[in-house]
């Protein structure tokens, strides 16, 4: 009986890890899309403040993508 409980606990931990990886993969896809959008935005703005904002946002998204990839490894 105790062995079944330990197996069930390990199975739950494995399921949680799979769910976490799935969530990270979804977050990665969303971040890549966001990066594409902000890069397109940079091409359409001409105000220096908006360009600065877009560059800052692009760097932040790149950092988030790097973090997600690190967590997925």
Foldseek 3Di string as FASTA:
>chain_A
DVVVVVVVVVVVVVVVVVVVLVVLVVVLVVLVVVLVVLVVVCVPDDDPVSNVVSVVVNVVSVVVNVVSVVVND
